Amino acid sequence: STVCNSTWYRTEATVLCRTLGCGDVLQRPAFGHTLPG
């Protein structure tokens, strides 16, 4: 599923970057929703 950007702030993005072993956040671009959930 995709994630809604209505509450996608720096904290949320930072948690994900670190979980994936990808360091810290540079940008938070927006995309279209094309998955079911």
All heavy atoms as atom14 arrays in JSON, in Angstrom:
{
  "sequence": "STVCNSTWYRTEATVLCRTLGCGDVLQRPAFGHTLPG",
  "atom14_mask": [
    [1, 1, 1, 1, 1, 1, 0, 0, 0, 0, 0, 0, 0, 0],
    [1, 1, 1, 1, 1, 1, 1, 0, 0, 0, 0, 0, 0, 0],
    [1, 1, 1, 1, 1, 1, 1, 0, 0, 0, 0, 0, 0, 0],
    [1, 1, 1, 1, 1, 1, 0, 0, 0, 0, 0, 0, 0, 0],
    [1, 1, 1, 1, 1, 1, 1, 1, 0, 0, 0, 0, 0, 0],
    [1, 1, 1, 1, 1, 1, 0, 0, 0, 0, 0, 0, 0, 0],
    [1, 1, 1, 1, 1, 1, 1, 0, 0, 0, 0, 0, 0, 0],
    [1, 1, 1, 1, 1, 1, 1, 1, 1, 1, 1, 1, 1, 1],
    [1, 1, 1, 1, 1, 1, 1, 1, 1, 1, 1, 1, 0, 0],
    [1, 1, 1, 1, 1, 1, 1, 1, 1, 1, 1, 0, 0, 0],
    [1, 1, 1, 1, 1, 1, 1, 0, 0, 0, 0, 0, 0, 0],
    [1, 1, 1, 1, 1, 1, 1, 1, 1, 0, 0, 0, 0, 0],
    [1, 1, 1, 1, 1, 0, 0, 0, 0, 0, 0, 0, 0, 0],
    [1, 1, 1, 1, 1, 1, 1, 0, 0, 0, 0, 0, 0, 0],
    [1, 1, 1, 1, 1, 1, 1, 0, 0, 0, 0, 0, 0, 0],
    [1, 1, 1, 1, 1, 1, 1, 1, 0, 0, 0, 0, 0, 0],
    [1, 1, 1, 1, 1, 1, 0, 0, 0, 0, 0, 0, 0, 0],
    [1, 1, 1, 1, 1, 1, 1, 1, 1, 1, 1, 0, 0, 0],
    [1, 1, 1, 1, 1, 1, 1, 0, 0, 0, 0, 0, 0, 0],
    [1, 1, 1, 1, 1, 1, 1, 1, 0, 0, 0, 0, 0, 0],
    [1, 1, 1, 1, 0, 0, 0, 0, 0, 0, 0, 0, 0, 0],
    [1, 1, 1, 1, 1, 1, 0, 0, 0, 0, 0, 0, 0, 0],
    [1, 1, 1, 1, 0, 0, 0, 0, 0, 0, 0, 0, 0, 0],
    [1, 1, 1, 1, 1, 1, 1, 1, 0, 0, 0, 0, 0, 0],
    [1, 1, 1, 1, 1, 1, 1, 0, 0, 0, 0, 0, 0, 0],
    [1, 1, 1, 1, 1, 1, 1, 1, 0, 0, 0, 0, 0, 0],
    [1, 1, 1, 1, 1, 1, 1, 1, 1, 0, 0, 0, 0, 0],
    [1, 1, 1, 1, 1, 1, 1, 1, 1, 1, 1, 0, 0, 0],
    [1, 1, 1, 1, 1, 1, 1, 0, 0, 0, 0, 0, 0, 0],
    [1, 1, 1, 1, 1, 0, 0, 0, 0, 0, 0, 0, 0, 0],
    [1, 1, 1, 1, 1, 1, 1, 1, 1, 1, 1, 0, 0, 0],
    [1, 1, 1, 1, 0, 0, 0, 0, 0, 0, 0, 0, 0, 0],
    [1, 1, 1, 1, 1, 1, 1, 1, 1, 1, 0, 0, 0, 0],
    [1, 1, 1, 1, 1, 1, 1, 0, 0, 0, 0, 0, 0, 0],
    [1, 1, 1, 1, 1, 1, 1, 1, 0, 0, 0, 0, 0, 0],
    [1, 1, 1, 1, 1, 1, 1, 0, 0, 0, 0, 0, 0, 0],
    [1, 1, 1, 1, 0, 0, 0, 0, 0, 0, 0, 0, 0, 0]
  ],
  "atom14_positions": [
    [[0.84, -1.21, 0.0], [0.0, 0.0, 0.0], [0.87, 1.25, 0.0], [2.06, 1.18, 0.31], [-0.89, 0.02, 1.25], [-1.74, -1.1, 1.3], [0.0, 0.0, 0.0], [0.0, 0.0, 0.0], [0.0, 0.0, 0.0], [0.0, 0.0, 0.0], [0.0, 0.0, 0.0], [0.0, 0.0, 0.0], [0.0, 0.0, 0.0], [0.0, 0.0, 0.0]],
    [[0.26, 2.39, -0.33], [0.97, 3.67, -0.24], [0.68, 4.33, 1.1], [-0.17, 3.89, 1.87], [0.54, 4.61, -1.39], [-0.88, 4.56, -1.52], [1.18, 4.2, -2.7], [0.0, 0.0, 0.0], [0.0, 0.0, 0.0], [0.0, 0.0, 0.0], [0.0, 0.0, 0.0], [0.0, 0.0, 0.0], [0.0, 0.0, 0.0], [0.0, 0.0, 0.0]],
    [[1.43, 5.4, 1.39], [1.31, 6.13, 2.65], [0.83, 7.54, 2.35], [1.36, 8.2, 1.43], [2.67, 6.16, 3.38], [2.62, 7.05, 4.61], [3.1, 4.74, 3.76], [0.0, 0.0, 0.0], [0.0, 0.0, 0.0], [0.0, 0.0, 0.0], [0.0, 0.0, 0.0], [0.0, 0.0, 0.0], [0.0, 0.0, 0.0], [0.0, 0.0, 0.0]],
    [[-0.16, 8.03, 3.09], [-0.69, 9.37, 2.84], [0.26, 10.44, 3.38], [0.78, 10.3, 4.49], [-2.05, 9.53, 3.51], [-3.22, 8.28, 2.97], [0.0, 0.0, 0.0], [0.0, 0.0, 0.0], [0.0, 0.0, 0.0], [0.0, 0.0, 0.0], [0.0, 0.0, 0.0], [0.0, 0.0, 0.0], [0.0, 0.0, 0.0], [0.0, 0.0, 0.0]],
    [[0.46, 11.51, 2.6], [1.4, 12.53, 3.04], [0.76, 13.6, 3.92], [1.41, 14.58, 4.29], [2.14, 13.17, 1.85], [1.26, 14.1, 1.03], [0.05, 14.19, 1.24], [1.87, 14.79, 0.08], [0.0, 0.0, 0.0], [0.0, 0.0, 0.0], [0.0, 0.0, 0.0], [0.0, 0.0, 0.0], [0.0, 0.0, 0.0], [0.0, 0.0, 0.0]],
    [[-0.51, 13.4, 4.31], [-1.19, 14.39, 5.16], [-0.49, 14.57, 6.51], [-0.54, 15.64, 7.1], [-2.66, 14.0, 5.36], [-2.77, 12.61, 5.63], [0.0, 0.0, 0.0], [0.0, 0.0, 0.0], [0.0, 0.0, 0.0], [0.0, 0.0, 0.0], [0.0, 0.0, 0.0], [0.0, 0.0, 0.0], [0.0, 0.0, 0.0], [0.0, 0.0, 0.0]],
    [[0.17, 13.51, 7.0], [0.93, 13.64, 8.26], [2.37, 13.15, 8.06], [3.02, 12.69, 8.99], [0.29, 12.8, 9.39], [0.19, 11.43, 8.95], [-1.09, 13.31, 9.75], [0.0, 0.0, 0.0], [0.0, 0.0, 0.0], [0.0, 0.0, 0.0], [0.0, 0.0, 0.0], [0.0, 0.0, 0.0], [0.0, 0.0, 0.0], [0.0, 0.0, 0.0]],
    [[2.85, 13.24, 6.82], [4.2, 12.75, 6.52], [5.19, 13.91, 6.68], [5.48, 14.65, 5.75], [4.26, 12.19, 5.11], [5.57, 11.52, 4.77], [6.53, 11.98, 3.92], [6.05, 10.27, 5.27], [7.57, 11.1, 3.87], [7.31, 10.04, 4.69], [5.54, 9.33, 6.17], [8.07, 8.89, 4.96], [6.29, 8.2, 6.45], [7.54, 7.99, 5.84]],
    [[5.68, 14.08, 7.91], [6.58, 15.19, 8.21], [8.01, 14.68, 8.37], [8.3, 13.51, 8.14], [6.11, 15.91, 9.48], [4.73, 16.49, 9.34], [3.68, 16.03, 10.13], [4.47, 17.47, 8.38], [2.4, 16.56, 9.99], [3.18, 18.0, 8.24], [2.15, 17.54, 9.04], [0.89, 18.05, 8.9], [0.0, 0.0, 0.0], [0.0, 0.0, 0.0]],
    [[8.89, 15.57, 8.81], [10.31, 15.21, 8.9], [10.55, 14.03, 9.87], [11.37, 13.16, 9.6], [11.12, 16.43, 9.34], [12.6, 16.17, 9.27], [13.47, 17.41, 9.33], [14.83, 16.99, 9.05], [15.37, 17.0, 7.84], [14.68, 17.43, 6.8], [16.61, 16.58, 7.66], [0.0, 0.0, 0.0], [0.0, 0.0, 0.0], [0.0, 0.0, 0.0]],
    [[9.8, 14.0, 10.97], [9.99, 12.92, 11.95], [9.68, 11.56, 11.32], [10.47, 10.61, 11.44], [9.1, 13.13, 13.19], [9.38, 14.42, 13.72], [9.37, 12.08, 14.26], [0.0, 0.0, 0.0], [0.0, 0.0, 0.0], [0.0, 0.0, 0.0], [0.0, 0.0, 0.0], [0.0, 0.0, 0.0], [0.0, 0.0, 0.0], [0.0, 0.0, 0.0]],
    [[8.54, 11.46, 10.66], [8.14, 10.19, 10.04], [9.17, 9.76, 8.99], [9.57, 8.59, 8.93], [6.76, 10.32, 9.4], [5.6, 10.44, 10.38], [5.44, 11.81, 11.03], [6.06, 12.79, 10.55], [4.72, 11.9, 12.03], [0.0, 0.0, 0.0], [0.0, 0.0, 0.0], [0.0, 0.0, 0.0], [0.0, 0.0, 0.0], [0.0, 0.0, 0.0]],
    [[9.58, 10.73, 8.16], [10.54, 10.43, 7.1], [11.89, 10.01, 7.67], [12.55, 9.1, 7.15], [10.7, 11.65, 6.19], [0.0, 0.0, 0.0], [0.0, 0.0, 0.0], [0.0, 0.0, 0.0], [0.0, 0.0, 0.0], [0.0, 0.0, 0.0], [0.0, 0.0, 0.0], [0.0, 0.0, 0.0], [0.0, 0.0, 0.0], [0.0, 0.0, 0.0]],
    [[12.3, 10.64, 8.78], [13.57, 10.3, 9.43], [13.53, 8.87, 9.97], [14.49, 8.1, 9.8], [13.87, 11.27, 10.59], [13.92, 12.6, 10.06], [15.2, 10.95, 11.27], [0.0, 0.0, 0.0], [0.0, 0.0, 0.0], [0.0, 0.0, 0.0], [0.0, 0.0, 0.0], [0.0, 0.0, 0.0], [0.0, 0.0, 0.0], [0.0, 0.0, 0.0]],
    [[12.41, 8.51, 10.63], [12.26, 7.14, 11.15], [12.45, 6.14, 10.03], [13.17, 5.14, 10.17], [10.89, 6.96, 11.84], [10.61, 5.48, 12.15], [10.82, 7.78, 13.12], [0.0, 0.0, 0.0], [0.0, 0.0, 0.0], [0.0, 0.0, 0.0], [0.0, 0.0, 0.0], [0.0, 0.0, 0.0], [0.0, 0.0, 0.0], [0.0, 0.0, 0.0]],
    [[11.82, 6.4, 8.87], [11.91, 5.45, 7.77], [13.32, 5.38, 7.19], [13.84, 4.29, 6.96], [10.9, 5.79, 6.67], [10.9, 4.78, 5.51], [10.57, 3.37, 6.01], [9.93, 5.2, 4.43], [0.0, 0.0, 0.0], [0.0, 0.0, 0.0], [0.0, 0.0, 0.0], [0.0, 0.0, 0.0], [0.0, 0.0, 0.0], [0.0, 0.0, 0.0]],
    [[13.94, 6.53, 6.94], [15.31, 6.52, 6.4], [16.24, 5.7, 7.29], [17.02, 4.88, 6.82], [15.86, 7.94, 6.26], [15.15, 8.89, 4.9], [0.0, 0.0, 0.0], [0.0, 0.0, 0.0], [0.0, 0.0, 0.0], [0.0, 0.0, 0.0], [0.0, 0.0, 0.0], [0.0, 0.0, 0.0], [0.0, 0.0, 0.0], [0.0, 0.0, 0.0]],
    [[16.11, 5.89, 8.61], [16.99, 5.17, 9.54], [16.67, 3.68, 9.59], [17.58, 2.85, 9.64], [16.89, 5.79, 10.94], [17.52, 7.17, 10.97], [17.46, 7.81, 12.34], [18.0, 9.17, 12.29], [18.04, 9.99, 13.35], [17.56, 9.59, 14.51], [18.54, 11.21, 13.23], [0.0, 0.0, 0.0], [0.0, 0.0, 0.0], [0.0, 0.0, 0.0]],
    [[15.38, 3.34, 9.56], [14.99, 1.93, 9.56], [15.57, 1.21, 8.34], [15.97, 0.06, 8.43], [13.45, 1.79, 9.52], [12.89, 2.49, 10.63], [13.02, 0.34, 9.61], [0.0, 0.0, 0.0], [0.0, 0.0, 0.0], [0.0, 0.0, 0.0], [0.0, 0.0, 0.0], [0.0, 0.0, 0.0], [0.0, 0.0, 0.0], [0.0, 0.0, 0.0]],
    [[15.59, 1.89, 7.21], [16.08, 1.28, 5.97], [17.6, 1.33, 5.86], [18.17, 0.89, 4.87], [15.45, 1.98, 4.75], [13.94, 1.84, 4.59], [13.44, 2.68, 3.42], [13.53, 0.38, 4.41], [0.0, 0.0, 0.0], [0.0, 0.0, 0.0], [0.0, 0.0, 0.0], [0.0, 0.0, 0.0], [0.0, 0.0, 0.0], [0.0, 0.0, 0.0]],
    [[18.27, 1.91, 6.87], [19.73, 2.04, 6.82], [20.17, 3.05, 5.79], [21.24, 2.91, 5.18], [0.0, 0.0, 0.0], [0.0, 0.0, 0.0], [0.0, 0.0, 0.0], [0.0, 0.0, 0.0], [0.0, 0.0, 0.0], [0.0, 0.0, 0.0], [0.0, 0.0, 0.0], [0.0, 0.0, 0.0], [0.0, 0.0, 0.0], [0.0, 0.0, 0.0]],
    [[19.35, 4.08, 5.57], [19.59, 5.05, 4.5], [19.99, 6.43, 5.0], [19.92, 7.41, 4.26], [18.33, 5.17, 3.63], [18.01, 3.72, 2.61], [0.0, 0.0, 0.0], [0.0, 0.0, 0.0], [0.0, 0.0, 0.0], [0.0, 0.0, 0.0], [0.0, 0.0, 0.0], [0.0, 0.0, 0.0], [0.0, 0.0, 0.0], [0.0, 0.0, 0.0]],
    [[20.38, 6.54, 6.28], [20.84, 7.83, 6.78], [19.69, 8.75, 7.17], [18.75, 8.33, 7.84], [0.0, 0.0, 0.0], [0.0, 0.0, 0.0], [0.0, 0.0, 0.0], [0.0, 0.0, 0.0], [0.0, 0.0, 0.0], [0.0, 0.0, 0.0], [0.0, 0.0, 0.0], [0.0, 0.0, 0.0], [0.0, 0.0, 0.0], [0.0, 0.0, 0.0]],
    [[19.76, 10.01, 6.73], [18.76, 11.0, 7.11], [18.0, 11.55, 5.91], [18.3, 11.24, 4.76], [19.42, 12.16, 7.88], [19.28, 11.95, 9.39], [18.16, 11.58, 9.81], [20.26, 12.15, 10.13], [0.0, 0.0, 0.0], [0.0, 0.0, 0.0], [0.0, 0.0, 0.0], [0.0, 0.0, 0.0], [0.0, 0.0, 0.0], [0.0, 0.0, 0.0]],
    [[17.01, 12.4, 6.19], [16.11, 12.89, 5.14], [16.72, 14.06, 4.38], [17.25, 14.99, 4.98], [14.8, 13.4, 5.79], [13.8, 13.8, 4.72], [14.22, 12.35, 6.7], [0.0, 0.0, 0.0], [0.0, 0.0, 0.0], [0.0, 0.0, 0.0], [0.0, 0.0, 0.0], [0.0, 0.0, 0.0], [0.0, 0.0, 0.0], [0.0, 0.0, 0.0]],
    [[16.6, 14.01, 3.06], [16.94, 15.17, 2.23], [15.67, 15.87, 1.74], [15.55, 17.08, 1.84], [17.78, 14.74, 1.02], [19.24, 14.35, 1.28], [19.88, 13.87, -0.01], [20.03, 15.53, 1.85], [0.0, 0.0, 0.0], [0.0, 0.0, 0.0], [0.0, 0.0, 0.0], [0.0, 0.0, 0.0], [0.0, 0.0, 0.0], [0.0, 0.0, 0.0]],
    [[14.74, 15.08, 1.18], [13.51, 15.67, 0.62], [12.33, 14.75, 0.91], [12.51, 13.56, 1.18], [13.64, 15.8, -0.9], [14.65, 16.81, -1.38], [14.88, 16.57, -2.88], [15.67, 15.72, -3.28], [14.15, 17.31, -3.7], [0.0, 0.0, 0.0], [0.0, 0.0, 0.0], [0.0, 0.0, 0.0], [0.0, 0.0, 0.0], [0.0, 0.0, 0.0]],
    [[11.13, 15.34, 0.78], [9.89, 14.56, 0.95], [8.99, 14.81, -0.26], [8.01, 15.54, -0.17], [9.19, 14.94, 2.25], [9.93, 14.45, 3.5], [9.27, 14.85, 4.8], [9.46, 16.28, 5.1], [8.49, 17.15, 5.27], [7.24, 16.79, 5.13], [8.76, 18.4, 5.55], [0.0, 0.0, 0.0], [0.0, 0.0, 0.0], [0.0, 0.0, 0.0]],
    [[9.31, 14.22, -1.41], [8.49, 14.44, -2.61], [7.12, 13.74, -2.5], [6.94, 12.86, -1.66], [9.31, 13.81, -3.73], [10.14, 12.77, -3.05], [10.43, 13.29, -1.67], [0.0, 0.0, 0.0], [0.0, 0.0, 0.0], [0.0, 0.0, 0.0], [0.0, 0.0, 0.0], [0.0, 0.0, 0.0], [0.0, 0.0, 0.0], [0.0, 0.0, 0.0]],
    [[6.18, 14.18, -3.33], [4.84, 13.57, -3.34], [4.62, 12.82, -4.65], [5.15, 13.19, -5.7], [3.79, 14.66, -3.19], [0.0, 0.0, 0.0], [0.0, 0.0, 0.0], [0.0, 0.0, 0.0], [0.0, 0.0, 0.0], [0.0, 0.0, 0.0], [0.0, 0.0, 0.0], [0.0, 0.0, 0.0], [0.0, 0.0, 0.0], [0.0, 0.0, 0.0]],
    [[3.84, 11.76, -4.57], [3.53, 10.91, -5.72], [2.03, 10.65, -5.75], [1.31, 11.04, -4.84], [4.27, 9.56, -5.6], [5.77, 9.68, -5.61], [6.47, 9.92, -4.42], [6.5, 9.56, -6.78], [7.86, 10.03, -4.42], [7.88, 9.67, -6.79], [8.56, 9.9, -5.61], [0.0, 0.0, 0.0], [0.0, 0.0, 0.0], [0.0, 0.0, 0.0]],
    [[1.57, 9.97, -6.8], [0.16, 9.57, -6.86], [-0.06, 8.27, -6.12], [0.86, 7.46, -5.97], [0.0, 0.0, 0.0], [0.0, 0.0, 0.0], [0.0, 0.0, 0.0], [0.0, 0.0, 0.0], [0.0, 0.0, 0.0], [0.0, 0.0, 0.0], [0.0, 0.0, 0.0], [0.0, 0.0, 0.0], [0.0, 0.0, 0.0], [0.0, 0.0, 0.0]],
    [[-1.29, 8.07, -5.63], [-1.67, 6.79, -5.03], [-2.1, 5.83, -6.14], [-3.06, 6.11, -6.84], [-2.87, 6.97, -4.09], [-2.59, 7.71, -2.83], [-1.82, 7.21, -1.81], [-3.0, 8.94, -2.41], [-1.77, 8.07, -0.81], [-2.48, 9.13, -1.15], [0.0, 0.0, 0.0], [0.0, 0.0, 0.0], [0.0, 0.0, 0.0], [0.0, 0.0, 0.0]],
    [[-1.41, 4.7, -6.3], [-1.86, 3.74, -7.31], [-2.0, 2.32, -6.76], [-2.29, 1.39, -7.5], [-0.87, 3.68, -8.5], [0.44, 3.39, -7.97], [-0.84, 5.0, -9.26], [0.0, 0.0, 0.0], [0.0, 0.0, 0.0], [0.0, 0.0, 0.0], [0.0, 0.0, 0.0], [0.0, 0.0, 0.0], [0.0, 0.0, 0.0], [0.0, 0.0, 0.0]],
    [[-1.8, 2.15, -5.45], [-1.93, 0.82, -4.85], [-3.25, 0.73, -4.08], [-3.86, 1.74, -3.76], [-0.74, 0.55, -3.91], [0.62, 0.46, -4.62], [1.75, 0.33, -3.63], [0.65, -0.72, -5.6], [0.0, 0.0, 0.0], [0.0, 0.0, 0.0], [0.0, 0.0, 0.0], [0.0, 0.0, 0.0], [0.0, 0.0, 0.0], [0.0, 0.0, 0.0]],
    [[-3.72, -0.48, -3.75], [-5.06, -0.63, -3.18], [-5.27, 0.02, -1.81], [-6.35, 0.54, -1.54], [-5.25, -2.15, -3.09], [-3.9, -2.74, -3.23], [-3.1, -1.8, -4.04], [0.0, 0.0, 0.0], [0.0, 0.0, 0.0], [0.0, 0.0, 0.0], [0.0, 0.0, 0.0], [0.0, 0.0, 0.0], [0.0, 0.0, 0.0], [0.0, 0.0, 0.0]],
    [[-4.26, -0.04, -0.95], [-4.47, 0.45, 0.41], [-3.78, 1.77, 0.68], [-2.91, 2.21, -0.07], [0.0, 0.0, 0.0], [0.0, 0.0, 0.0], [0.0, 0.0, 0.0], [0.0, 0.0, 0.0], [0.0, 0.0, 0.0], [0.0, 0.0, 0.0], [0.0, 0.0, 0.0], [0.0, 0.0, 0.0], [0.0, 0.0, 0.0], [0.0, 0.0, 0.0]]
  ]
}
